[in-house]
C-alpha atoms as a PDB file:
ATOM      1  CA  MET A   1      -0.598  20.236  -6.585  1.00  0.00           C
ATOM      2  CA  ASN A   2      -2.586  23.434  -7.078  1.00  0.00           C
ATOM      3  CA  HIS A   3      -0.010  26.233  -7.307  1.00  0.00           C
ATOM      4  CA  GLN A   4      -2.643  28.976  -7.577  1.00  0.00           C
ATOM      5  CA  ARG A   5      -4.156  27.975  -4.233  1.00  0.00           C
ATOM      6  CA  ARG A   6      -0.725  27.920  -2.579  1.00  0.00           C
ATOM      7  CA  GLY A   7       0.087  31.359  -4.029  1.00  0.00           C
ATOM      8  CA  ALA A   8      -3.199  32.789  -2.787  1.00  0.00           C
ATOM      9  CA  LEU A   9      -2.531  31.516   0.706  1.00  0.00           C
ATOM     10  CA  LYS A  10       0.989  32.988   0.687  1.00  0.00           C
ATOM     11  CA  THR A  11      -0.257  36.424  -0.395  1.00  0.00           C
ATOM     12  CA  GLY A  12      -3.039  36.661   2.153  1.00  0.00           C
ATOM     13  CA  GLY A  13      -5.852  34.425   1.032  1.00  0.00           C
ATOM     14  CA  GLY A  14      -5.506  32.509   4.304  1.00  0.00           C
ATOM     15  CA  LEU A  15      -5.236  35.497   6.647  1.00  0.00           C
ATOM     16  CA  GLY A  16      -8.080  34.461   8.908  1.00  0.00           C
ATOM     17  CA  ILE A  17     -10.114  36.873  10.998  1.00  0.00           C
ATOM     18  CA  PHE A  18      -7.106  38.520  12.689  1.00  0.00           C
ATOM     19  CA  GLY A  19      -5.449  39.072   9.315  1.00  0.00           C
ATOM     20  CA  MET A  20      -8.620  40.571   7.887  1.00  0.00           C
ATOM     21  CA  LEU A  21      -8.876  42.982  10.846  1.00  0.00           C
ATOM     22  CA  VAL A  22      -5.265  44.033  10.273  1.00  0.00           C
ATOM     23  CA  ALA A  23      -5.878  44.434   6.530  1.00  0.00           C
ATOM     24  CA  ALA A  24      -8.972  46.546   7.226  1.00  0.00           C
ATOM     25  CA  GLY A  25      -6.930  48.777   9.542  1.00  0.00           C
ATOM     26  CA  LEU A  26      -9.090  47.950  12.571  1.00  0.00           C
ATOM     27  CA  VAL A  27      -6.202  46.305  14.460  1.00  0.00           C
ATOM     28  CA  LYS A  28      -2.517  47.133  14.216  1.00  0.00           C
ATOM     29  CA  PRO A  29      -0.180  44.141  13.742  1.00  0.00           C
ATOM     30  CA  GLY A  30       1.174  42.943  17.062  1.00  0.00           C
ATOM     31  CA  THR A  31      -1.219  45.073  19.136  1.00  0.00           C
ATOM     32  CA  ALA A  32      -3.745  42.356  19.894  1.00  0.00           C
ATOM     33  CA  LEU A  33      -1.161  39.676  20.572  1.00  0.00           C
ATOM     34  CA  ALA A  34       1.548  41.616  22.404  1.00  0.00           C
ATOM     35  CA  ARG A  35      -0.196  41.715  25.778  1.00  0.00           C
ATOM     36  CA  ASP A  36      -0.928  37.996  25.775  1.00  0.00           C
ATOM     37  CA  GLN A  37       2.591  36.951  24.780  1.00  0.00           C
ATOM     38  CA  ARG A  38       4.066  37.908  28.176  1.00  0.00           C
ATOM     39  CA  VAL A  39       1.393  35.806  29.845  1.00  0.00           C
ATOM     40  CA  PHE A  40       2.248  32.758  27.739  1.00  0.00           C
ATOM     41  CA  ASP A  41       6.008  33.201  28.236  1.00  0.00           C
ATOM     42  CA  ALA A  42       5.729  33.243  32.051  1.00  0.00           C
ATOM     43  CA  LYS A  43       7.690  30.530  33.863  1.00  0.00           C
ATOM     44  CA  THR A  44       6.169  30.911  37.349  1.00  0.00           C
ATOM     45  CA  ILE A  45       2.680  31.454  38.721  1.00  0.00           C
ATOM     46  CA  ASP A  46       3.682  34.884  40.043  1.00  0.00           C
ATOM     47  CA  GLU A  47       5.066  35.975  36.639  1.00  0.00           C
ATOM     48  CA  ALA A  48       1.903  34.831  34.863  1.00  0.00           C
ATOM     49  CA  LEU A  49      -0.408  36.544  37.337  1.00  0.00           C
ATOM     50  CA  THR A  50       1.619  39.771  37.170  1.00  0.00           C
ATOM     51  CA  ALA A  51       1.560  39.729  33.346  1.00  0.00           C
ATOM     52  CA  MET A  52      -2.234  39.349  33.495  1.00  0.00           C
ATOM     53  CA  GLY A  53      -2.547  42.203  35.952  1.00  0.00           C
ATOM     54  CA  ALA A  54      -3.777  39.797  38.642  1.00  0.00           C
ATOM     55  CA  ALA A  55      -1.018  40.056  41.243  1.00  0.00           C
ATOM     56  CA  LYS A  56      -3.185  38.773  44.123  1.00  0.00           C
ATOM     57  CA  PRO A  57      -6.320  36.976  42.949  1.00  0.00           C
ATOM     58  CA  GLU A  58      -8.885  35.983  45.545  1.00  0.00           C
ATOM     59  CA  MET A  59      -9.460  32.244  46.088  1.00  0.00           C
ATOM     60  CA  SER A  60     -13.114  31.549  45.311  1.00  0.00           C
ATOM     61  CA  ASP A  61     -15.415  28.532  45.293  1.00  0.00           C
ATOM     62  CA  ASP A  62     -17.407  30.363  42.603  1.00  0.00           C
ATOM     63  CA  VAL A  63     -14.631  29.307  40.201  1.00  0.00           C
ATOM     64  CA  GLN A  64     -14.909  25.576  39.579  1.00  0.00           C
ATOM     65  CA  LEU A  65     -12.092  23.636  37.953  1.00  0.00           C
ATOM     66  CA  ILE A  66     -13.528  20.517  36.344  1.00  0.00           C
ATOM     67  CA  ALA A  67     -10.833  17.944  35.638  1.00  0.00           C
ATOM     68  CA  PRO A  68     -10.011  14.321  36.476  1.00  0.00           C
ATOM     69  CA  ASP A  69      -8.122  13.565  39.701  1.00  0.00           C
ATOM     70  CA  ILE A  70      -5.859  11.231  37.711  1.00  0.00           C
ATOM     71  CA  ALA A  71      -4.940  11.755  34.047  1.00  0.00           C
ATOM     72  CA  GLU A  72      -3.763   8.549  32.418  1.00  0.00           C
ATOM     73  CA  ASN A  73      -2.212  10.433  29.504  1.00  0.00           C
ATOM     74  CA  GLY A  74      -0.763  13.886  30.134  1.00  0.00           C
ATOM     75  CA  ALA A  75      -0.875  14.662  26.399  1.00  0.00           C
ATOM     76  CA  VAL A  76      -4.673  15.106  26.481  1.00  0.00           C
ATOM     77  CA  VAL A  77      -6.079  16.140  29.845  1.00  0.00           C
ATOM     78  CA  PRO A  78      -9.698  17.374  29.652  1.00  0.00           C
ATOM     79  CA  VAL A  79     -10.139  20.526  31.735  1.00  0.00           C
ATOM     80  CA  GLY A  80     -13.148  22.756  32.177  1.00  0.00           C
ATOM     81  CA  VAL A  81     -13.702  25.957  34.122  1.00  0.00           C
ATOM     82  CA  LEU A  82     -17.105  27.171  35.276  1.00  0.00           C
ATOM     83  CA  SER A  83     -17.341  30.675  36.709  1.00  0.00           C
ATOM     84  CA  ASN A  84     -20.450  31.542  38.680  1.00  0.00           C
ATOM     85  CA  ILE A  85     -19.206  35.120  39.022  1.00  0.00           C
ATOM     86  CA  PRO A  86     -21.391  37.631  37.131  1.00  0.00           C
ATOM     87  CA  GLY A  87     -19.618  39.565  34.391  1.00  0.00           C
ATOM     88  CA  THR A  88     -16.833  37.042  33.792  1.00  0.00           C
ATOM     89  CA  GLU A  89     -14.556  38.550  31.117  1.00  0.00           C
ATOM     90  CA  SER A  90     -11.719  36.042  30.824  1.00  0.00           C
ATOM     91  CA  VAL A  91     -10.655  32.584  31.942  1.00  0.00           C
ATOM     92  CA  SER A  92      -7.068  31.330  32.083  1.00  0.00           C
ATOM     93  CA  ILE A  93      -5.846  27.812  32.808  1.00  0.00           C
ATOM     94  CA  MET A  94      -2.332  27.413  34.236  1.00  0.00           C
ATOM     95  CA  VAL A  95      -0.274  24.301  34.973  1.00  0.00           C
ATOM     96  CA  GLU A  96       2.298  24.989  37.675  1.00  0.00           C
ATOM     97  CA  LYS A  97       4.940  22.421  36.634  1.00  0.00           C
ATOM     98  CA  ASN A  98       4.737  22.828  32.842  1.00  0.00           C
ATOM     99  CA  PRO A  99       7.632  24.561  31.032  1.00  0.00           C
ATOM    100  CA  ASN A 100       5.183  27.333  30.078  1.00  0.00           C
ATOM    101  CA  MET A 101       2.597  27.766  32.796  1.00  0.00           C
ATOM    102  CA  VAL A 102      -0.326  29.197  30.842  1.00  0.00           C
ATOM    103  CA  ALA A 103      -2.032  26.410  28.929  1.00  0.00           C
ATOM    104  CA  ALA A 104      -5.031  28.465  27.741  1.00  0.00           C
ATOM    105  CA  ASN A 105      -6.439  31.984  27.900  1.00  0.00           C
ATOM    106  CA  PHE A 106     -10.041  32.674  26.855  1.00  0.00           C
ATOM    107  CA  MET A 107     -11.590  36.127  26.385  1.00  0.00           C
ATOM    108  CA  LEU A 108     -15.381  36.014  26.810  1.00  0.00           C
ATOM    109  CA  PRO A 109     -17.710  38.561  25.170  1.00  0.00           C
ATOM    110  CA  ASP A 110     -20.308  40.387  27.288  1.00  0.00           C
ATOM    111  CA  GLY A 111     -23.326  38.241  28.093  1.00  0.00           C
ATOM    112  CA  THR A 112     -21.454  34.968  27.577  1.00  0.00           C
ATOM    113  CA  MET A 113     -21.776  32.196  30.142  1.00  0.00           C
ATOM    114  CA  GLY A 114     -18.520  31.871  32.101  1.00  0.00           C
ATOM    115  CA  GLU A 115     -17.738  28.313  31.037  1.00  0.00           C
ATOM    116  CA  VAL A 116     -14.915  26.928  28.906  1.00  0.00           C
ATOM    117  CA  GLN A 117     -13.654  23.441  28.131  1.00  0.00           C
ATOM    118  CA  THR A 118     -10.437  22.359  26.479  1.00  0.00           C
ATOM    119  CA  ARG A 119      -7.702  19.734  26.536  1.00  0.00           C
ATOM    120  CA  ILE A 120      -4.276  20.590  27.881  1.00  0.00           C
ATOM    121  CA  LYS A 121      -0.861  18.942  28.065  1.00  0.00           C
ATOM    122  CA  MET A 122       0.748  18.161  31.396  1.00  0.00           C
ATOM    123  CA  GLY A 123       4.315  16.922  31.758  1.00  0.00           C
ATOM    124  CA  GLN A 124       3.846  15.632  35.309  1.00  0.00           C
ATOM    125  CA  THR A 125       1.601  15.690  38.358  1.00  0.00           C
ATOM    126  CA  SER A 126       0.883  19.330  39.148  1.00  0.00           C
ATOM    127  CA  ASP A 127      -1.505  21.884  40.553  1.00  0.00           C
ATOM    128  CA  VAL A 128      -3.738  23.320  37.835  1.00  0.00           C
ATOM    129  CA  TYR A 129      -5.112  26.833  38.355  1.00  0.00           C
ATOM    130  CA  ALA A 130      -8.205  28.487  36.940  1.00  0.00           C
ATOM    131  CA  VAL A 131      -7.979  32.290  36.976  1.00  0.00           C
ATOM    132  CA  VAL A 132     -11.094  34.326  36.201  1.00  0.00           C
ATOM    133  CA  LYS A 133     -11.363  38.059  35.596  1.00  0.00           C
ATOM    134  CA  ALA A 134     -14.702  39.714  36.388  1.00  0.00           C
ATOM    135  CA  GLY A 135     -14.882  43.483  36.482  1.00  0.00           C
ATOM    136  CA  ASP A 136     -11.642  44.797  37.964  1.00  0.00           C
ATOM    137  CA  LYS A 137     -11.075  41.733  40.158  1.00  0.00           C
ATOM    138  CA  TYR A 138      -9.417  38.367  39.666  1.00  0.00           C
ATOM    139  CA  TYR A 139     -10.517  35.127  41.270  1.00  0.00           C
ATOM    140  CA  MET A 140      -8.936  31.688  41.186  1.00  0.00           C
ATOM    141  CA  ASN A 141      -9.170  28.118  42.303  1.00  0.00           C
ATOM    142  CA  LYS A 142      -6.820  25.170  41.931  1.00  0.00           C
ATOM    143  CA  LYS A 143      -6.812  21.391  41.779  1.00  0.00           C
ATOM    144  CA  GLU A 144      -4.029  18.833  41.812  1.00  0.00           C
ATOM    145  CA  ILE A 145      -4.100  16.471  38.856  1.00  0.00           C
ATOM    146  CA  LYS A 146      -1.967  13.352  39.019  1.00  0.00           C
ATOM    147  CA  VAL A 147      -0.404  12.338  35.693  1.00  0.00           C
ATOM    148  CA  THR A 148       0.598   8.729  35.077  1.00  0.00           C
ATOM    149  CA  LEU A 149       2.144   9.292  31.593  1.00  0.00           C
ATOM    150  CA  GLY A 150       3.640  12.725  30.863  1.00  0.00           C
ATOM    151  CA  GLY A 151       2.464  14.653  27.821  1.00  0.00           C
ATOM    152  CA  CYS A 152       5.265  17.197  27.378  1.00  0.00           C
ATOM    153  CA  GLY A 153       7.812  14.879  25.843  1.00  0.00           C
ATOM    154  CA  GLY A 154       7.914  12.558  28.868  1.00  0.00           C
END
């Protein structure tokens, strides 16, 4: 075992980008993550939307939720979101019946195509929501995904 490597990682050698920004004084510890933590701790769709600042998002066909109708294994459900709304700034994926609703939250830089793909866990059959922020407005769409084998310990 390389003890020097382990020591370097403990003292900051493995800080990552966020740690380097904190060390450089560009970001204060906790500032960048504090806002998102309330979103991830939400237990209901209304709590999550309120924490995001999206109390009443508009349903829109310009937000496409790309996912299977039936997921054979809830531990790895492929989900994609495509936003055809100009100026898309963020994309969130929420699973209504999961213990923690927000499965993913993506912040998109200016000029980036409004498309994300990931894999999420689902404990049971549920509605999955895609919430997109563009400008000062929020838009969303939803899809029911049936789960045959739960992925959240089920």
